[in-house]
Amino acid sequence: MMNFGKPLTPQQTAAYLRTLPAIRERCGRVHALAQKGELQYFTYDPEKEEDIAQFCVDIIKRDFGTNYASIPPHGRWRHLDAGRPRVGPLIEKWKASANPPDQKEITKRLIDLFLVSVLLDAGAGNTWTYHEKQSDMKFTRSEGLGVASINMFEEGFFSGDSSNPHKVDAEGLARITPEMAASAMQVSSSNPMVGIDGRTSLLTNLSNALKASPKFFGDDARPGNLIDFLESGSIANGSTRRVHIFALWTVLIEGLAPIWPATRTTFGGVPLGDVWPCDALKPTSLNEGDELVPFHKLTGWITYSLVEPIQTVLGWDVEGLEHMTGLPEYRNGGLLVDLGVLSLRPGAITSSFYSDPDTGIAKLPPSHPAIVEWRAMTVIELDRIADKIRQKLGLTAEQLSLAQVLESATWKGGREIAKQKRPASGGPPIDIESDGTVF
């Protein structure tokens, strides 16, 4: 029941802050302050957006020419195929087996893999490397985590079902210890990874979440079973089915709620996950909770990653993708800082956060109000930059989606400009203390 004219109850506010539209709306409030020069930590130079758009266009043309339709969407699939194809050959291996799975089961297996791979994808730090024995290739960062995760998946690391090692289920996840994860990801004193305990905690918490929501994940507590839930609410469309992005988002935001650390923001008794107070909004907040800004970055990253096999393998139509936002993480956000759209105000960050004076880079916890401002600005700026890229290329949003812009331009561009400006580390212009659960 709507309560027009009345403030929302804390429970209603909490429910709203877990929706996709709330991300753009609340980030838009922060961006409006930036346009008036009223952010606490950053100044905003919109004229530099043209420089970023051109930088991104150059990368797109370098990598794809004018074949824009060939640009894949942003998703975990790319990282799992770093250096060589892995997902396609794995699917073919399943199809050639004595008891081949149907397309639905193949999609379930990919959802199992992609979900757990994304949860392992928080920043690993600047020094960790993964050496893939089969190919003798070495990988770092997101690609390293992705390649490690698919190899772990193929070895049955996440499965409690001896008859099917290529799945993820609550039983298999519950057995994982930090030591097992460290060994599988080749972590050692000479090859350290940031946040290994946080990553393992996410997997343990995922086990509990899967068991707690049989409505979404079935009696065998498996991520891939969300396909059955989506199918029950989908619309038949000839030989295929139509499902709305909000349905998938609801499964992930509600079904995965128990995985987030207990220290995260809670409002109205509801744990919100990746939602943070923004100090710059407090002076204009009229109601309790008005200063809270949702990002749901990992949920968004999972959503983008799961949409791809649902569309390409299962062949379903996913509607409402325009509601998805850009991802507020350090590559997309770093692009804005490195190319001058955002600049830290002099003296805004106290000297105690500059642990290494030689780099001149602050290291902040994710809860720091500067990080909240940075991430909120990143969400809205990705929309604005995507529009400018399309204008330069003469394309519509249908011809070049935000997911394609993230994949071909901004995320990649953020990484490339970081390597140019900081060749030793390739790290972001502002460092974030990773606990393995945010970025």
Protein backbone atom coordinates (compact mmCIF):
# COMPACT_ATOMS: atom_id res chain seq x y z
CA MET A 1 0.00 0.00 0.00
CA MET A 2 1.39 3.42 -0.96
CA ASN A 3 1.54 6.10 1.70
CA PHE A 4 1.50 9.24 -0.43
CA GLY A 5 2.57 12.38 1.42
CA LYS A 6 4.00 10.47 4.37
CA PRO A 7 7.67 9.71 4.98
CA LEU A 8 8.60 6.12 4.26
CA THR A 9 8.99 3.83 7.24
CA PRO A 10 12.55 2.60 7.86
CA GLN A 11 11.54 -0.79 6.44
CA GLN A 12 10.17 0.82 3.27
CA THR A 13 13.32 2.92 2.91
CA ALA A 14 15.45 -0.20 3.32
CA ALA A 15 13.42 -2.01 0.67
CA TYR A 16 13.85 0.93 -1.71
CA LEU A 17 17.61 1.12 -1.14
CA ARG A 18 17.91 -2.47 -2.33
CA THR A 19 16.35 -1.71 -5.74
CA LEU A 20 18.17 -0.96 -8.97
CA PRO A 21 16.53 2.48 -9.54
CA ALA A 22 17.66 3.63 -6.08
CA ILE A 23 21.31 3.42 -7.16
CA ARG A 24 20.98 6.06 -9.89
CA GLU A 25 18.59 8.21 -7.86
CA ARG A 26 20.82 8.46 -4.78
CA CYS A 27 24.05 8.76 -6.80
CA GLY A 28 22.29 11.48 -8.79
CA ARG A 29 21.80 13.47 -5.57
CA VAL A 30 25.55 13.37 -4.97
CA HIS A 31 26.24 14.38 -8.57
CA ALA A 32 23.88 17.35 -8.19
CA LEU A 33 25.99 18.55 -5.26
CA ALA A 34 29.13 18.18 -7.37
CA GLN A 35 27.65 20.43 -10.05
CA LYS A 36 27.28 23.12 -7.37
CA GLY A 37 30.78 22.55 -6.01
CA GLU A 38 29.39 21.17 -2.76
CA LEU A 39 31.20 17.84 -2.44
CA GLN A 40 33.41 17.61 0.62
CA TYR A 41 36.33 15.75 -0.94
CA PHE A 42 36.28 16.28 -4.70
CA THR A 43 36.05 19.05 -7.24
CA TYR A 44 34.25 18.26 -10.49
CA ASP A 45 35.33 19.42 -13.96
CA PRO A 46 32.67 18.34 -16.50
CA GLU A 47 34.69 19.74 -19.41
CA LYS A 48 37.19 16.91 -18.95
CA GLU A 49 34.46 14.39 -19.80
CA GLU A 50 35.24 15.06 -23.46
CA ASP A 51 38.83 13.94 -22.88
CA ILE A 52 37.67 10.71 -21.29
CA ALA A 53 35.16 10.05 -24.07
CA GLN A 54 37.86 10.55 -26.72
CA PHE A 55 40.32 8.37 -24.76
CA CYS A 56 37.66 5.64 -24.68
CA VAL A 57 36.73 6.01 -28.36
CA ASP A 58 40.39 5.56 -29.29
CA ILE A 59 40.53 2.33 -27.29
CA ILE A 60 37.32 1.02 -28.88
CA LYS A 61 38.59 1.77 -32.40
CA ARG A 62 41.98 0.24 -31.63
CA ASP A 63 40.44 -3.02 -30.37
CA PHE A 64 37.23 -3.34 -32.43
CA GLY A 65 37.60 -1.02 -35.42
CA THR A 66 34.07 -0.09 -36.43
CA ASN A 67 32.63 -3.55 -35.69
CA TYR A 68 30.78 -2.30 -32.63
CA ALA A 69 28.29 -5.17 -32.70
CA SER A 70 31.19 -7.54 -31.92
CA ILE A 71 31.87 -5.86 -28.56
CA PRO A 72 30.87 -8.34 -25.85
CA PRO A 73 29.05 -7.20 -22.71
CA HIS A 74 30.89 -6.62 -19.46
CA GLY A 75 30.85 -9.88 -17.56
CA ARG A 76 32.96 -12.49 -15.81
CA TRP A 77 33.08 -14.66 -18.95
CA ARG A 78 35.85 -12.45 -20.41
CA HIS A 79 38.13 -12.95 -17.43
CA LEU A 80 37.58 -16.70 -17.39
CA ASP A 81 38.81 -16.77 -20.99
CA ALA A 82 41.91 -14.64 -20.30
CA GLY A 83 44.76 -15.74 -22.55
CA ARG A 84 42.83 -18.64 -24.09
CA PRO A 85 39.25 -19.93 -24.36
CA ARG A 86 38.15 -21.97 -21.35
CA VAL A 87 34.37 -21.63 -21.01
CA GLY A 88 33.53 -22.74 -24.58
CA PRO A 89 35.77 -25.83 -24.43
CA LEU A 90 34.28 -26.73 -21.04
CA ILE A 91 30.77 -26.56 -22.52
CA GLU A 92 31.88 -28.75 -25.44
CA LYS A 93 33.41 -31.22 -22.99
CA TRP A 94 30.06 -31.47 -21.20
CA LYS A 95 28.19 -31.96 -24.48
CA ALA A 96 30.58 -34.75 -25.51
CA SER A 97 30.23 -36.63 -22.20
CA ALA A 98 28.45 -39.98 -21.89
CA ASN A 99 25.45 -38.33 -20.23
CA PRO A 100 25.38 -34.82 -21.74
CA PRO A 101 23.48 -32.09 -19.89
CA ASP A 102 20.72 -30.14 -21.63
CA GLN A 103 20.96 -26.38 -22.26
CA LYS A 104 19.22 -25.62 -18.97
CA GLU A 105 21.70 -27.67 -16.95
CA ILE A 106 24.62 -26.15 -18.89
CA THR A 107 23.28 -22.69 -17.99
CA LYS A 108 22.93 -23.73 -14.35
CA ARG A 109 26.56 -24.87 -14.29
CA LEU A 110 27.71 -21.58 -15.81
CA ILE A 111 25.68 -19.62 -13.25
CA ASP A 112 27.29 -21.71 -10.50
CA LEU A 113 30.73 -20.91 -11.91
CA PHE A 114 30.17 -17.24 -12.69
CA LEU A 115 28.58 -16.46 -9.33
CA VAL A 116 31.33 -17.98 -7.25
CA SER A 117 33.97 -16.47 -9.54
CA VAL A 118 32.57 -12.97 -9.06
CA LEU A 119 32.50 -13.42 -5.29
CA LEU A 120 36.21 -14.22 -5.44
CA ASP A 121 36.85 -11.14 -7.59
CA ALA A 122 37.52 -8.44 -4.99
CA GLY A 123 40.85 -6.64 -5.44
CA ALA A 124 43.76 -9.05 -4.93
CA GLY A 125 46.39 -6.35 -4.48
CA ASN A 126 49.32 -5.36 -6.65
CA THR A 127 51.66 -8.33 -6.08
CA TRP A 128 49.64 -11.57 -6.33
CA THR A 129 50.10 -13.75 -9.44
CA TYR A 130 48.41 -16.95 -10.57
CA HIS A 131 50.43 -19.42 -12.66
CA GLU A 132 48.20 -21.67 -14.76
CA LYS A 133 50.00 -25.00 -15.10
CA GLN A 134 48.06 -26.20 -18.16
CA SER A 135 49.03 -23.21 -20.31
CA ASP A 136 52.15 -22.06 -18.43
CA MET A 137 50.64 -18.55 -18.48
CA LYS A 138 50.70 -16.12 -15.57
CA PHE A 139 47.85 -13.80 -14.63
CA THR A 140 47.24 -11.08 -12.07
CA ARG A 141 44.25 -9.20 -10.65
CA SER A 142 40.78 -9.96 -12.06
CA GLU A 143 42.07 -12.25 -14.80
CA GLY A 144 44.19 -14.19 -12.31
CA LEU A 145 41.24 -14.58 -9.95
CA GLY A 146 39.03 -15.62 -12.86
CA VAL A 147 41.43 -18.21 -14.25
CA ALA A 148 42.03 -19.58 -10.75
CA SER A 149 38.29 -19.86 -10.12
CA ILE A 150 37.48 -21.79 -13.31
CA ASN A 151 40.34 -24.19 -12.66
CA MET A 152 39.08 -24.66 -9.08
CA PHE A 153 35.57 -25.25 -10.48
CA GLU A 154 36.80 -27.89 -12.92
CA GLU A 155 38.60 -29.66 -10.06
CA GLY A 156 35.35 -29.86 -8.06
CA PHE A 157 36.55 -27.41 -5.40
CA PHE A 158 33.06 -25.94 -4.83
CA SER A 159 30.95 -29.12 -5.23
CA GLY A 160 29.69 -31.42 -2.50
CA ASP A 161 28.29 -33.80 -5.13
CA SER A 162 30.80 -36.49 -6.08
CA SER A 163 28.68 -37.44 -9.10
CA ASN A 164 28.93 -33.91 -10.50
CA PRO A 165 32.12 -32.02 -9.60
CA HIS A 166 31.21 -29.21 -12.03
CA LYS A 167 28.72 -27.45 -9.78
CA VAL A 168 28.56 -25.19 -6.76
CA ASP A 169 26.44 -26.16 -3.77
CA ALA A 170 26.11 -25.37 -0.08
CA GLU A 171 27.72 -28.62 1.00
CA GLY A 172 30.85 -28.03 -1.06
CA LEU A 173 31.16 -24.39 -0.02
CA ALA A 174 30.79 -25.20 3.68
CA ARG A 175 33.95 -27.32 3.56
CA ILE A 176 36.21 -24.55 2.25
CA THR A 177 38.78 -23.10 4.67
CA PRO A 178 41.10 -20.10 4.21
CA GLU A 179 43.99 -22.56 3.95
CA MET A 180 42.28 -24.51 1.16
CA ALA A 181 41.44 -21.32 -0.72
CA ALA A 182 44.97 -19.97 -0.29
CA SER A 183 46.47 -23.20 -1.58
CA ALA A 184 44.14 -23.36 -4.60
CA MET A 185 44.92 -19.73 -5.45
CA GLN A 186 48.67 -20.20 -4.94
CA VAL A 187 48.84 -17.69 -2.08
CA SER A 188 52.03 -17.75 -0.03
CA SER A 189 54.31 -15.40 1.88
CA SER A 190 56.12 -14.68 -1.39
CA ASN A 191 52.85 -14.43 -3.37
CA PRO A 192 50.48 -12.61 -1.01
CA MET A 193 46.84 -11.86 -1.76
CA VAL A 194 44.78 -9.15 -0.10
CA GLY A 195 41.62 -10.35 1.67
CA ILE A 196 41.93 -14.15 1.46
CA ASP A 197 40.01 -14.52 4.74
CA GLY A 198 37.26 -12.17 3.52
CA ARG A 199 36.91 -14.16 0.32
CA THR A 200 36.63 -17.43 2.21
CA SER A 201 34.06 -15.90 4.55
CA LEU A 202 31.97 -14.91 1.52
CA LEU A 203 32.00 -18.52 0.31
CA THR A 204 31.04 -19.83 3.76
CA ASN A 205 28.31 -17.22 4.02
CA LEU A 206 27.15 -18.15 0.50
CA SER A 207 26.70 -21.73 1.69
CA ASN A 208 24.39 -20.52 4.45
CA ALA A 209 22.52 -18.18 2.09
CA LEU A 210 21.87 -20.97 -0.42
CA LYS A 211 20.44 -23.18 2.32
CA ALA A 212 18.33 -20.33 3.71
CA SER A 213 16.50 -19.62 0.42
CA PRO A 214 15.21 -22.85 -1.15
CA LYS A 215 12.63 -20.68 -2.96
CA PHE A 216 15.48 -19.26 -5.06
CA PHE A 217 18.16 -21.94 -4.90
CA GLY A 218 16.26 -25.22 -4.61
CA ASP A 219 16.48 -28.08 -2.15
CA ASP A 220 20.08 -28.87 -3.17
CA ALA A 221 21.08 -25.26 -2.38
CA ARG A 222 22.73 -24.43 -5.69
CA PRO A 223 23.10 -20.99 -7.35
CA GLY A 224 22.15 -22.36 -10.78
CA ASN A 225 18.72 -23.32 -9.50
CA LEU A 226 17.74 -19.65 -9.67
CA ILE A 227 16.93 -20.50 -13.30
CA ASP A 228 13.99 -22.58 -12.06
CA PHE A 229 12.75 -19.66 -9.98
CA LEU A 230 13.08 -17.23 -12.90
CA GLU A 231 11.32 -19.66 -15.22
CA SER A 232 8.34 -19.89 -12.86
CA GLY A 233 7.75 -16.14 -13.22
CA SER A 234 8.78 -15.77 -16.87
CA ILE A 235 6.55 -15.30 -19.91
CA ALA A 236 6.56 -17.81 -22.76
CA ASN A 237 7.55 -16.11 -26.01
CA GLY A 238 7.36 -18.62 -28.84
CA SER A 239 10.12 -21.16 -28.27
CA THR A 240 11.89 -18.97 -25.72
CA ARG A 241 10.99 -17.09 -22.53
CA ARG A 242 11.01 -13.46 -21.37
CA VAL A 243 12.26 -12.53 -17.92
CA HIS A 244 12.75 -9.06 -16.41
CA ILE A 245 16.05 -7.92 -14.93
CA PHE A 246 14.21 -6.98 -11.71
CA ALA A 247 13.40 -10.66 -11.14
CA LEU A 248 17.07 -11.65 -11.33
CA TRP A 249 18.05 -8.63 -9.22
CA THR A 250 15.54 -9.62 -6.54
CA VAL A 251 16.94 -13.15 -6.33
CA LEU A 252 20.47 -11.81 -5.89
CA ILE A 253 19.75 -8.88 -3.57
CA GLU A 254 17.48 -10.94 -1.31
CA GLY A 255 18.97 -14.39 -1.70
CA LEU A 256 22.56 -13.26 -1.19
CA ALA A 257 21.83 -10.76 1.61
CA PRO A 258 23.27 -13.10 4.29
CA ILE A 259 26.71 -13.19 2.65
CA TRP A 260 27.71 -9.60 3.40
CA PRO A 261 29.74 -8.77 6.52
CA ALA A 262 27.69 -7.99 9.62
CA THR A 263 29.53 -4.65 9.91
CA ARG A 264 27.73 -3.29 6.83
CA THR A 265 24.97 -0.70 7.04
CA THR A 266 21.70 -1.88 8.58
CA PHE A 267 18.54 0.21 8.37
CA GLY A 268 15.13 -0.57 9.77
CA GLY A 269 16.55 -3.87 10.97
CA VAL A 270 17.44 -4.82 7.36
CA PRO A 271 21.09 -5.50 6.40
CA LEU A 272 21.70 -3.48 3.24
CA GLY A 273 25.07 -4.73 2.02
CA ASP A 274 26.98 -2.26 -0.19
CA VAL A 275 25.14 0.88 1.03
CA TRP A 276 26.95 3.71 2.79
CA PRO A 277 26.19 7.10 4.37
CA CYS A 278 27.40 10.08 2.35
CA ASP A 279 28.36 12.99 4.61
CA ALA A 280 27.83 15.52 1.80
CA LEU A 281 24.11 14.59 1.69
CA LYS A 282 23.48 15.05 5.41
CA PRO A 283 22.83 18.84 5.37
CA THR A 284 19.98 18.40 2.88
CA SER A 285 18.55 15.17 4.33
CA LEU A 286 14.94 15.61 5.44
CA ASN A 287 14.19 12.05 6.53
CA GLU A 288 16.15 9.34 8.25
CA GLY A 289 18.06 7.37 5.64
CA ASP A 290 18.18 10.19 3.07
CA GLU A 291 21.98 10.28 3.39
CA LEU A 292 22.38 6.60 2.45
CA VAL A 293 23.74 5.79 -1.03
CA PRO A 294 23.41 2.26 -2.46
CA PHE A 295 25.99 0.85 -4.87
CA HIS A 296 25.53 -2.94 -4.78
CA LYS A 297 28.64 -3.29 -6.90
CA LEU A 298 29.21 -7.02 -6.50
CA THR A 299 25.49 -7.70 -7.01
CA GLY A 300 25.65 -5.64 -10.22
CA TRP A 301 28.77 -7.46 -11.37
CA ILE A 302 27.08 -10.80 -10.70
CA THR A 303 23.95 -9.64 -12.56
CA TYR A 304 25.87 -8.58 -15.66
CA SER A 305 27.79 -11.87 -15.54
CA LEU A 306 24.70 -14.08 -15.21
CA VAL A 307 22.64 -12.29 -17.87
CA GLU A 308 25.10 -13.39 -20.56
CA PRO A 309 24.63 -17.19 -20.26
CA ILE A 310 20.89 -16.73 -19.71
CA GLN A 311 20.75 -14.88 -23.04
CA THR A 312 23.36 -16.69 -25.13
CA VAL A 313 23.20 -20.28 -23.84
CA LEU A 314 19.62 -20.61 -22.64
CA GLY A 315 18.33 -18.21 -25.30
CA TRP A 316 15.98 -16.26 -23.05
CA ASP A 317 15.15 -12.58 -23.56
CA VAL A 318 16.12 -10.42 -20.57
CA GLU A 319 14.12 -7.19 -20.43
CA GLY A 320 14.84 -3.98 -18.53
CA LEU A 321 18.63 -3.98 -18.92
CA GLU A 322 18.53 -0.17 -19.16
CA HIS A 323 17.99 -0.16 -15.40
CA MET A 324 21.46 -1.61 -14.84
CA THR A 325 24.12 0.91 -13.80
CA GLY A 326 27.82 1.27 -14.35
CA LEU A 327 29.94 -0.39 -11.69
CA PRO A 328 31.41 1.92 -9.03
CA GLU A 329 34.82 0.33 -8.61
CA TYR A 330 38.39 1.57 -8.82
CA ARG A 331 38.99 1.09 -12.57
CA ASN A 332 35.95 3.04 -13.71
CA GLY A 333 36.43 5.54 -10.89
CA GLY A 334 40.17 5.75 -11.43
CA LEU A 335 39.61 6.84 -15.02
CA LEU A 336 37.71 9.88 -13.73
CA VAL A 337 40.50 10.89 -11.36
CA ASP A 338 43.41 10.15 -13.69
CA LEU A 339 41.90 12.19 -16.53
CA GLY A 340 40.82 15.10 -14.36
CA VAL A 341 37.03 14.93 -14.16
CA LEU A 342 37.40 14.46 -10.41
CA SER A 343 40.21 15.91 -8.29
CA LEU A 344 40.73 15.48 -4.57
CA ARG A 345 40.52 18.80 -2.76
CA PRO A 346 43.97 19.76 -1.40
CA GLY A 347 44.25 18.76 2.22
CA ALA A 348 40.86 17.02 2.26
CA ILE A 349 42.43 13.67 3.17
CA THR A 350 44.45 13.76 6.40
CA SER A 351 48.10 12.77 6.21
CA SER A 352 47.53 9.61 8.27
CA PHE A 353 45.92 7.99 5.21
CA TYR A 354 49.07 8.49 3.11
CA SER A 355 50.96 5.45 4.36
CA ASP A 356 53.57 5.61 1.60
CA PRO A 357 54.59 9.24 1.04
CA ASP A 358 56.62 8.27 -2.02
CA THR A 359 53.50 7.39 -4.02
CA GLY A 360 51.38 10.35 -2.92
CA ILE A 361 48.37 8.00 -2.97
CA ALA A 362 45.90 7.86 -0.11
CA LYS A 363 44.72 4.49 1.16
CA LEU A 364 41.18 4.65 2.52
CA PRO A 365 38.64 2.19 3.93
CA PRO A 366 35.51 1.65 1.80
CA SER A 367 33.44 3.44 4.46
CA HIS A 368 35.43 6.68 4.16
CA PRO A 369 33.17 9.50 2.93
CA ALA A 370 35.65 10.32 0.15
CA ILE A 371 35.22 6.80 -1.24
CA VAL A 372 31.44 7.12 -1.03
CA GLU A 373 31.57 10.41 -2.99
CA TRP A 374 33.96 8.88 -5.54
CA ARG A 375 31.78 5.84 -6.13
CA ALA A 376 28.55 7.86 -6.38
CA MET A 377 30.13 10.17 -8.95
CA THR A 378 31.39 7.16 -10.87
CA VAL A 379 27.87 5.73 -11.37
CA ILE A 380 26.50 8.94 -12.91
CA GLU A 381 29.65 9.79 -14.84
CA LEU A 382 29.61 6.38 -16.54
CA ASP A 383 26.16 7.23 -17.92
CA ARG A 384 27.36 10.64 -19.11
CA ILE A 385 30.55 9.30 -20.67
CA ALA A 386 28.68 6.46 -22.38
CA ASP A 387 26.38 9.06 -23.97
CA LYS A 388 29.36 11.09 -25.19
CA ILE A 389 31.02 7.98 -26.64
CA ARG A 390 27.82 7.13 -28.52
CA GLN A 391 27.58 10.69 -29.84
CA LYS A 392 31.14 10.50 -31.16
CA LEU A 393 30.48 7.15 -32.83
CA GLY A 394 26.98 8.01 -34.07
CA LEU A 395 25.41 5.11 -32.17
CA THR A 396 22.26 4.67 -30.08
CA ALA A 397 22.06 3.01 -26.67
CA GLU A 398 20.63 -0.05 -28.43
CA GLN A 399 23.66 -0.19 -30.72
CA LEU A 400 26.20 0.34 -27.92
CA SER A 401 24.93 -0.66 -24.51
CA LEU A 402 26.32 0.47 -21.18
CA ALA A 403 27.54 -3.11 -20.62
CA GLN A 404 29.53 -2.86 -23.89
CA VAL A 405 30.94 0.54 -22.89
CA LEU A 406 32.10 -0.86 -19.55
CA GLU A 407 33.78 -3.79 -21.30
CA SER A 408 35.40 -2.05 -24.25
CA ALA A 409 36.17 1.39 -22.85
CA THR A 410 35.86 2.61 -19.27
CA TRP A 411 37.04 -0.40 -17.24
CA LYS A 412 39.80 -1.15 -19.73
CA GLY A 413 40.60 2.57 -20.02
CA GLY A 414 40.88 2.91 -16.25
CA ARG A 415 43.38 0.08 -16.16
CA GLU A 416 45.41 1.45 -19.09
CA ILE A 417 45.67 5.02 -17.79
CA ALA A 418 46.66 3.65 -14.36
CA LYS A 419 49.51 1.71 -15.98
CA GLN A 420 50.63 4.82 -17.86
CA LYS A 421 50.62 7.00 -14.76
CA ARG A 422 51.85 4.42 -12.24
CA PRO A 423 53.84 1.86 -14.26
CA ALA A 424 55.36 0.19 -11.20
CA SER A 425 52.06 -0.86 -9.65
CA GLY A 426 49.35 -0.16 -12.23
CA GLY A 427 47.18 0.55 -9.20
CA PRO A 428 44.40 3.13 -8.86
CA PRO A 429 44.94 6.84 -8.07
CA ILE A 430 43.23 6.32 -4.71
CA ASP A 431 43.84 3.06 -2.89
CA ILE A 432 41.05 1.20 -1.11
CA GLU A 433 41.60 -1.14 1.81
CA SER A 434 40.19 -4.39 0.44
CA ASP A 435 38.70 -6.94 2.82
CA GLY A 436 37.83 -9.19 -0.09
CA THR A 437 34.14 -8.23 -0.11
CA VAL A 438 33.73 -4.80 -1.75
CA PHE A 439 35.82 -4.38 -4.88
